[in-house]
């Protein structure tokens, strides 16, 4: 169980989750609430995807500015 908790914590940290999210996931795992843990991990995943989409929009804006600037140079 200790090894599983360490792996969970490390993976969530690599995924960009904060300390409070990691602690909640650990608590759910320790309590044996597997279904709740899965739901919580899916929620965390959705949050990462929302962040990804937000950043993708920012990258798209930068690409637009680059294309517009290049057009002016021609």
PDB file of N, CA and C in Angstrom:
ATOM      1  N   UNK A   1       0.825  -1.197   0.000  1.00  0.00           N
ATOM      2  CA  UNK A   1       0.000   0.000   0.000  1.00  0.00           C
ATOM      3  C   UNK A   1       0.869   1.261   0.000  1.00  0.00           C
ATOM      4  N   UNK A   2       1.964   1.247   0.775  1.00  0.00           N
ATOM      5  CA  UNK A   2       2.837   2.409   0.841  1.00  0.00           C
ATOM      6  C   UNK A   2       3.409   2.733  -0.535  1.00  0.00           C
ATOM      7  N   UNK A   3       3.817   1.693  -1.249  1.00  0.00           N
ATOM      8  CA  UNK A   3       4.378   1.888  -2.589  1.00  0.00           C
ATOM      9  C   UNK A   3       3.327   2.465  -3.544  1.00  0.00           C
ATOM     10  N   UNK A   4       2.091   1.984  -3.425  1.00  0.00           N
ATOM     11  CA  UNK A   4       1.007   2.496  -4.272  1.00  0.00           C
ATOM     12  C   UNK A   4       0.732   3.964  -3.964  1.00  0.00           C
ATOM     13  N   UNK A   5       0.759   4.334  -2.693  1.00  0.00           N
ATOM     14  CA  UNK A   5       0.546   5.730  -2.303  1.00  0.00           C
ATOM     15  C   UNK A   5       1.658   6.622  -2.851  1.00  0.00           C
ATOM     16  N   UNK A   6       2.894   6.145  -2.759  1.00  0.00           N
ATOM     17  CA  UNK A   6       4.031   6.911  -3.280  1.00  0.00           C
ATOM     18  C   UNK A   6       3.907   7.090  -4.790  1.00  0.00           C
ATOM     19  N   UNK A   7       3.516   6.029  -5.481  1.00  0.00           N
ATOM     20  CA  UNK A   7       3.354   6.104  -6.940  1.00  0.00           C
ATOM     21  C   UNK A   7       2.233   7.072  -7.304  1.00  0.00           C
ATOM     22  N   UNK A   8       1.131   7.003  -6.568  1.00  0.00           N
ATOM     23  CA  UNK A   8       0.005   7.903  -6.799  1.00  0.00           C
ATOM     24  C   UNK A   8       0.454   9.350  -6.631  1.00  0.00           C
ATOM     25  N   UNK A   9       1.137   9.627  -5.536  1.00  0.00           N
ATOM     26  CA  UNK A   9       1.596  10.989  -5.244  1.00  0.00           C
ATOM     27  C   UNK A   9       2.549  11.492  -6.314  1.00  0.00           C
ATOM     28  N   UNK A  10       3.506  10.672  -6.691  1.00  0.00           N
ATOM     29  CA  UNK A  10       4.495  11.061  -7.690  1.00  0.00           C
ATOM     30  C   UNK A  10       3.838  11.330  -9.040  1.00  0.00           C
ATOM     31  N   UNK A  11       2.950  10.458  -9.434  1.00  0.00           N
ATOM     32  CA  UNK A  11       2.286  10.610 -10.734  1.00  0.00           C
ATOM     33  C   UNK A  11       1.403  11.852 -10.754  1.00  0.00           C
ATOM     34  N   UNK A  12       0.656  12.077  -9.683  1.00  0.00           N
ATOM     35  CA  UNK A  12      -0.174  13.280  -9.621  1.00  0.00           C
ATOM     36  C   UNK A  12       0.680  14.541  -9.634  1.00  0.00           C
ATOM     37  N   UNK A  13       1.808  14.494  -8.960  1.00  0.00           N
ATOM     38  CA  UNK A  13       2.721  15.633  -8.967  1.00  0.00           C
ATOM     39  C   UNK A  13       3.238  15.899 -10.381  1.00  0.00           C
ATOM     40  N   UNK A  14       3.632  14.855 -11.078  1.00  0.00           N
ATOM     41  CA  UNK A  14       4.098  14.995 -12.467  1.00  0.00           C
ATOM     42  C   UNK A  14       2.992  15.516 -13.377  1.00  0.00           C
ATOM     43  N   UNK A  15       1.748  15.204 -13.017  1.00  0.00           N
ATOM     44  CA  UNK A  15       0.606  15.645 -13.819  1.00  0.00           C
ATOM     45  C   UNK A  15       0.234  17.098 -13.522  1.00  0.00           C
ATOM     46  N   UNK A  16       0.928  17.708 -12.574  1.00  0.00           N
ATOM     47  CA  UNK A  16       0.673  19.113 -12.285  1.00  0.00           C
ATOM     48  C   UNK A  16      -0.349  19.363 -11.196  1.00  0.00           C
ATOM     49  N   UNK A  17      -0.713  18.344 -10.468  1.00  0.00           N
ATOM     50  CA  UNK A  17      -1.685  18.506  -9.385  1.00  0.00           C
ATOM     51  C   UNK A  17      -1.002  19.107  -8.167  1.00  0.00           C
ATOM     52  N   UNK A  18      -1.734  19.927  -7.451  1.00  0.00           N
ATOM     53  CA  UNK A  18      -1.217  20.561  -6.254  1.00  0.00           C
ATOM     54  C   UNK A  18      -1.246  19.634  -5.051  1.00  0.00           C
ATOM     55  N   UNK A  19      -0.658  20.120  -3.975  1.00  0.00           N
ATOM     56  CA  UNK A  19      -0.547  19.316  -2.753  1.00  0.00           C
ATOM     57  C   UNK A  19      -1.911  18.911  -2.199  1.00  0.00           C
ATOM     58  N   UNK A  20      -2.889  19.816  -2.258  1.00  0.00           N
ATOM     59  CA  UNK A  20      -4.211  19.476  -1.712  1.00  0.00           C
ATOM     60  C   UNK A  20      -4.883  18.373  -2.524  1.00  0.00           C
ATOM     61  N   UNK A  21      -4.703  18.392  -3.836  1.00  0.00           N
ATOM     62  CA  UNK A  21      -5.277  17.345  -4.684  1.00  0.00           C
ATOM     63  C   UNK A  21      -4.610  16.007  -4.396  1.00  0.00           C
ATOM     64  N   UNK A  22      -3.305  16.047  -4.206  1.00  0.00           N
ATOM     65  CA  UNK A  22      -2.564  14.821  -3.908  1.00  0.00           C
ATOM     66  C   UNK A  22      -3.012  14.249  -2.568  1.00  0.00           C
ATOM     67  N   UNK A  23      -3.154  15.116  -1.585  1.00  0.00           N
ATOM     68  CA  UNK A  23      -3.583  14.661  -0.255  1.00  0.00           C
ATOM     69  C   UNK A  23      -4.981  14.051  -0.306  1.00  0.00           C
ATOM     70  N   UNK A  24      -5.875  14.657  -1.067  1.00  0.00           N
ATOM     71  CA  UNK A  24      -7.239  14.113  -1.165  1.00  0.00           C
ATOM     72  C   UNK A  24      -7.220  12.736  -1.819  1.00  0.00           C
ATOM     73  N   UNK A  25      -6.446  12.598  -2.888  1.00  0.00           N
ATOM     74  CA  UNK A  25      -6.354  11.305  -3.569  1.00  0.00           C
ATOM     75  C   UNK A  25      -5.761  10.247  -2.637  1.00  0.00           C
ATOM     76  N   UNK A  26      -4.727  10.633  -1.903  1.00  0.00           N
ATOM     77  CA  UNK A  26      -4.131   9.698  -0.946  1.00  0.00           C
ATOM     78  C   UNK A  26      -5.148   9.267   0.108  1.00  0.00           C
ATOM     79  N   UNK A  27      -5.926  10.223   0.618  1.00  0.00           N
ATOM     80  CA  UNK A  27      -6.929   9.923   1.631  1.00  0.00           C
ATOM     81  C   UNK A  27      -7.950   8.918   1.091  1.00  0.00           C
ATOM     82  N   UNK A  28      -8.396   9.131  -0.143  1.00  0.00           N
ATOM     83  CA  UNK A  28      -9.368   8.223  -0.740  1.00  0.00           C
ATOM     84  C   UNK A  28      -8.777   6.831  -0.914  1.00  0.00           C
ATOM     85  N   UNK A  29      -7.508   6.774  -1.332  1.00  0.00           N
ATOM     86  CA  UNK A  29      -6.871   5.472  -1.507  1.00  0.00           C
ATOM     87  C   UNK A  29      -6.716   4.766  -0.158  1.00  0.00           C
ATOM     88  N   UNK A  30      -6.259   5.492   0.850  1.00  0.00           N
ATOM     89  CA  UNK A  30      -6.082   4.903   2.185  1.00  0.00           C
ATOM     90  C   UNK A  30      -7.405   4.381   2.741  1.00  0.00           C
ATOM     91  N   UNK A  31      -8.500   5.100   2.447  1.00  0.00           N
ATOM     92  CA  UNK A  31      -9.815   4.707   2.953  1.00  0.00           C
ATOM     93  C   UNK A  31     -10.425   3.573   2.145  1.00  0.00           C
ATOM     94  N   UNK A  32      -9.760   3.183   1.064  1.00  0.00           N
ATOM     95  CA  UNK A  32     -10.278   2.102   0.242  1.00  0.00           C
ATOM     96  C   UNK A  32     -11.467   2.504  -0.604  1.00  0.00           C
ATOM     97  N   UNK A  33     -11.641   3.799  -0.810  1.00  0.00           N
ATOM     98  CA  UNK A  33     -12.766   4.312  -1.591  1.00  0.00           C
ATOM     99  C   UNK A  33     -12.356   4.405  -3.066  1.00  0.00           C
ATOM    100  N   UNK A  34     -12.217   3.251  -3.666  1.00  0.00           N
ATOM    101  CA  UNK A  34     -11.707   3.165  -5.033  1.00  0.00           C
ATOM    102  C   UNK A  34     -12.594   3.885  -6.034  1.00  0.00           C
ATOM    103  N   UNK A  35     -13.901   3.713  -5.938  1.00  0.00           N
ATOM    104  CA  UNK A  35     -14.815   4.364  -6.886  1.00  0.00           C
ATOM    105  C   UNK A  35     -14.718   5.887  -6.750  1.00  0.00           C
ATOM    106  N   UNK A  36     -14.641   6.370  -5.521  1.00  0.00           N
ATOM    107  CA  UNK A  36     -14.501   7.821  -5.300  1.00  0.00           C
ATOM    108  C   UNK A  36     -13.148   8.322  -5.800  1.00  0.00           C
ATOM    109  N   UNK A  37     -12.111   7.514  -5.621  1.00  0.00           N
ATOM    110  CA  UNK A  37     -10.787   7.881  -6.110  1.00  0.00           C
ATOM    111  C   UNK A  37     -10.797   8.002  -7.626  1.00  0.00           C
ATOM    112  N   UNK A  38     -11.416   7.061  -8.291  1.00  0.00           N
ATOM    113  CA  UNK A  38     -11.491   7.101  -9.753  1.00  0.00           C
ATOM    114  C   UNK A  38     -12.246   8.346 -10.206  1.00  0.00           C
ATOM    115  N   UNK A  39     -13.368   8.635  -9.556  1.00  0.00           N
ATOM    116  CA  UNK A  39     -14.116   9.852  -9.900  1.00  0.00           C
ATOM    117  C   UNK A  39     -13.267  11.097  -9.696  1.00  0.00           C
ATOM    118  N   UNK A  40     -12.524  11.124  -8.594  1.00  0.00           N
ATOM    119  CA  UNK A  40     -11.682  12.278  -8.303  1.00  0.00           C
ATOM    120  C   UNK A  40     -10.549  12.400  -9.325  1.00  0.00           C
ATOM    121  N   UNK A  41      -9.938  11.288  -9.690  1.00  0.00           N
ATOM    122  CA  UNK A  41      -8.880  11.321 -10.703  1.00  0.00           C
ATOM    123  C   UNK A  41      -9.423  11.801 -12.049  1.00  0.00           C
ATOM    124  N   UNK A  42     -10.640  11.396 -12.374  1.00  0.00           N
ATOM    125  CA  UNK A  42     -11.257  11.874 -13.620  1.00  0.00           C
ATOM    126  C   UNK A  42     -11.521  13.374 -13.562  1.00  0.00           C
ATOM    127  N   UNK A  43     -11.929  13.866 -12.402  1.00  0.00           N
ATOM    128  CA  UNK A  43     -12.121  15.306 -12.227  1.00  0.00           C
ATOM    129  C   UNK A  43     -10.797  16.045 -12.417  1.00  0.00           C
ATOM    130  N   UNK A  44      -9.739  15.524 -11.817  1.00  0.00           N
ATOM    131  CA  UNK A  44      -8.413  16.136 -11.971  1.00  0.00           C
ATOM    132  C   UNK A  44      -7.983  16.121 -13.440  1.00  0.00           C
ATOM    133  N   UNK A  45      -8.286  15.039 -14.125  1.00  0.00           N
ATOM    134  CA  UNK A  45      -7.953  14.945 -15.551  1.00  0.00           C
ATOM    135  C   UNK A  45      -8.707  16.005 -16.347  1.00  0.00           C
ATOM    136  N   UNK A  46      -9.979  16.173 -16.043  1.00  0.00           N
ATOM    137  CA  UNK A  46     -10.779  17.186 -16.737  1.00  0.00           C
ATOM    138  C   UNK A  46     -10.209  18.577 -16.511  1.00  0.00           C
ATOM    139  N   UNK A  47      -9.745  18.830 -15.303  1.00  0.00           N
ATOM    140  CA  UNK A  47      -9.136  20.128 -15.014  1.00  0.00           C
ATOM    141  C   UNK A  47      -7.871  20.327 -15.839  1.00  0.00           C
ATOM    142  N   UNK A  48      -7.066  19.276 -15.984  1.00  0.00           N
ATOM    143  CA  UNK A  48      -5.846  19.371 -16.802  1.00  0.00           C
ATOM    144  C   UNK A  48      -6.219  19.618 -18.271  1.00  0.00           C
ATOM    145  N   UNK A  49      -7.290  18.944 -18.739  1.00  0.00           N
ATOM    146  CA  UNK A  49      -7.720  19.127 -20.126  1.00  0.00           C
ATOM    147  C   UNK A  49      -8.227  20.545 -20.354  1.00  0.00           C
ATOM    148  N   UNK A  50      -8.955  21.101 -19.390  1.00  0.00           N
ATOM    149  CA  UNK A  50      -9.409  22.488 -19.506  1.00  0.00           C
ATOM    150  C   UNK A  50      -8.214  23.432 -19.612  1.00  0.00           C
ATOM    151  N   UNK A  51      -7.201  23.156 -18.808  1.00  0.00           N
ATOM    152  CA  UNK A  51      -5.986  23.975 -18.854  1.00  0.00           C
ATOM    153  C   UNK A  51      -5.293  23.833 -20.205  1.00  0.00           C
ATOM    154  N   UNK A  52      -5.237  22.615 -20.700  1.00  0.00           N
ATOM    155  CA  UNK A  52      -4.639  22.365 -22.007  1.00  0.00           C
ATOM    156  C   UNK A  52      -5.365  23.140 -23.102  1.00  0.00           C
ATOM    157  N   UNK A  53      -6.676  23.116 -23.081  1.00  0.00           N
ATOM    158  CA  UNK A  53      -7.457  23.835 -24.085  1.00  0.00           C
ATOM    159  C   UNK A  53      -7.255  25.352 -23.972  1.00  0.00           C
ATOM    160  N   UNK A  54      -7.170  25.850 -22.747  1.00  0.00           N
ATOM    161  CA  UNK A  54      -6.932  27.277 -22.537  1.00  0.00           C
ATOM    162  C   UNK A  54      -5.574  27.678 -23.117  1.00  0.00           C
ATOM    163  N   UNK A  55      -4.574  26.865 -22.853  1.00  0.00           N
ATOM    164  CA  UNK A  55      -3.234  27.162 -23.361  1.00  0.00           C
ATOM    165  C   UNK A  55      -3.192  27.003 -24.876  1.00  0.00           C
ATOM    166  N   UNK A  56      -3.919  26.033 -25.418  1.00  0.00           N
ATOM    167  CA  UNK A  56      -3.950  25.854 -26.867  1.00  0.00           C
ATOM    168  C   UNK A  56      -4.526  27.093 -27.549  1.00  0.00           C
ATOM    169  N   UNK A  57      -5.547  27.690 -26.947  1.00  0.00           N
ATOM    170  CA  UNK A  57      -6.106  28.928 -27.500  1.00  0.00           C
ATOM    171  C   UNK A  57      -5.066  30.040 -27.494  1.00  0.00           C
ATOM    172  N   UNK A  58      -4.253  30.106 -26.456  1.00  0.00           N
ATOM    173  CA  UNK A  58      -3.205  31.114 -26.391  1.00  0.00           C
ATOM    174  C   UNK A  58      -2.165  30.881 -27.483  1.00  0.00           C
ATOM    175  N   UNK A  59      -1.807  29.620 -27.691  1.00  0.00           N
ATOM    176  CA  UNK A  59      -0.848  29.284 -28.749  1.00  0.00           C
ATOM    177  C   UNK A  59      -1.442  29.639 -30.110  1.00  0.00           C
ATOM    178  N   UNK A  60      -2.721  29.370 -30.312  1.00  0.00           N
ATOM    179  CA  UNK A  60      -3.382  29.723 -31.569  1.00  0.00           C
ATOM    180  C   UNK A  60      -3.321  31.227 -31.806  1.00  0.00           C
ATOM    181  N   UNK A  61      -3.509  32.014 -30.773  1.00  0.00           N
ATOM    182  CA  UNK A  61      -3.409  33.472 -30.902  1.00  0.00           C
ATOM    183  C   UNK A  61      -1.999  33.892 -31.303  1.00  0.00           C
ATOM    184  N   UNK A  62      -1.003  33.260 -30.712  1.00  0.00           N
ATOM    185  CA  UNK A  62       0.383  33.575 -31.074  1.00  0.00           C
ATOM    186  C   UNK A  62       0.666  33.184 -32.521  1.00  0.00           C
ATOM    187  N   UNK A  63       0.163  32.031 -32.949  1.00  0.00           N
ATOM    188  CA  UNK A  63       0.331  31.609 -34.345  1.00  0.00           C
ATOM    189  C   UNK A  63      -0.299  32.622 -35.286  1.00  0.00           C
ATOM    190  N   UNK A  64      -1.470  33.110 -34.926  1.00  0.00           N
ATOM    191  CA  UNK A  64      -2.156  34.121 -35.742  1.00  0.00           C
ATOM    192  C   UNK A  64      -1.293  35.377 -35.859  1.00  0.00           C
ATOM    193  N   UNK A  65      -0.766  35.837 -34.741  1.00  0.00           N
ATOM    194  CA  UNK A  65       0.073  37.035 -34.769  1.00  0.00           C
ATOM    195  C   UNK A  65       1.317  36.828 -35.621  1.00  0.00           C
ATOM    196  N   UNK A  66       1.903  35.659 -35.538  1.00  0.00           N
ATOM    197  CA  UNK A  66       3.089  35.355 -36.349  1.00  0.00           C
ATOM    198  C   UNK A  66       2.737  35.389 -37.827  1.00  0.00           C
ATOM    199  N   UNK A  67       1.617  34.742 -38.200  1.00  0.00           N
ATOM    200  CA  UNK A  67       1.204  34.729 -39.612  1.00  0.00           C
ATOM    201  C   UNK A  67       0.913  36.135 -40.111  1.00  0.00           C
ATOM    202  N   UNK A  68       0.232  36.933 -39.315  1.00  0.00           N
ATOM    203  CA  UNK A  68      -0.096  38.291 -39.727  1.00  0.00           C
ATOM    204  C   UNK A  68       1.171  39.139 -39.882  1.00  0.00           C
ATOM    205  N   UNK A  69       2.099  38.969 -38.989  1.00  0.00           N
ATOM    206  CA  UNK A  69       3.351  39.713 -39.074  1.00  0.00           C
ATOM    207  C   UNK A  69       4.146  39.286 -40.283  1.00  0.00           C
ATOM    208  N   UNK A  70       4.178  37.991 -40.557  1.00  0.00           N
ATOM    209  CA  UNK A  70       4.908  37.498 -41.743  1.00  0.00           C
ATOM    210  C   UNK A  70       4.287  38.042 -43.020  1.00  0.00           C
ATOM    211  N   UNK A  71       2.947  38.135 -43.078  1.00  0.00           N
ATOM    212  CA  UNK A  71       2.265  38.669 -44.261  1.00  0.00           C
ATOM    213  C   UNK A  71       2.682  40.117 -44.511  1.00  0.00           C
ATOM    214  N   UNK A  72       2.860  40.888 -43.454  1.00  0.00           N
ATOM    215  CA  UNK A  72       3.250  42.291 -43.604  1.00  0.00           C
ATOM    216  C   UNK A  72       4.670  42.428 -44.129  1.00  0.00           C
ATOM    217  N   UNK A  73       5.492  41.435 -43.900  1.00  0.00           N
ATOM    218  CA  UNK A  73       6.883  41.482 -44.356  1.00  0.00           C
ATOM    219  C   UNK A  73       7.020  41.172 -45.843  1.00  0.00           C
ATOM    220  N   UNK A  74       6.000  40.564 -46.405  1.00  0.00           N
ATOM    221  CA  UNK A  74       6.076  40.150 -47.816  1.00  0.00           C
ATOM    222  C   UNK A  74       5.823  41.295 -48.726  1.00  0.00           C
TER     223      UNK A  74
END
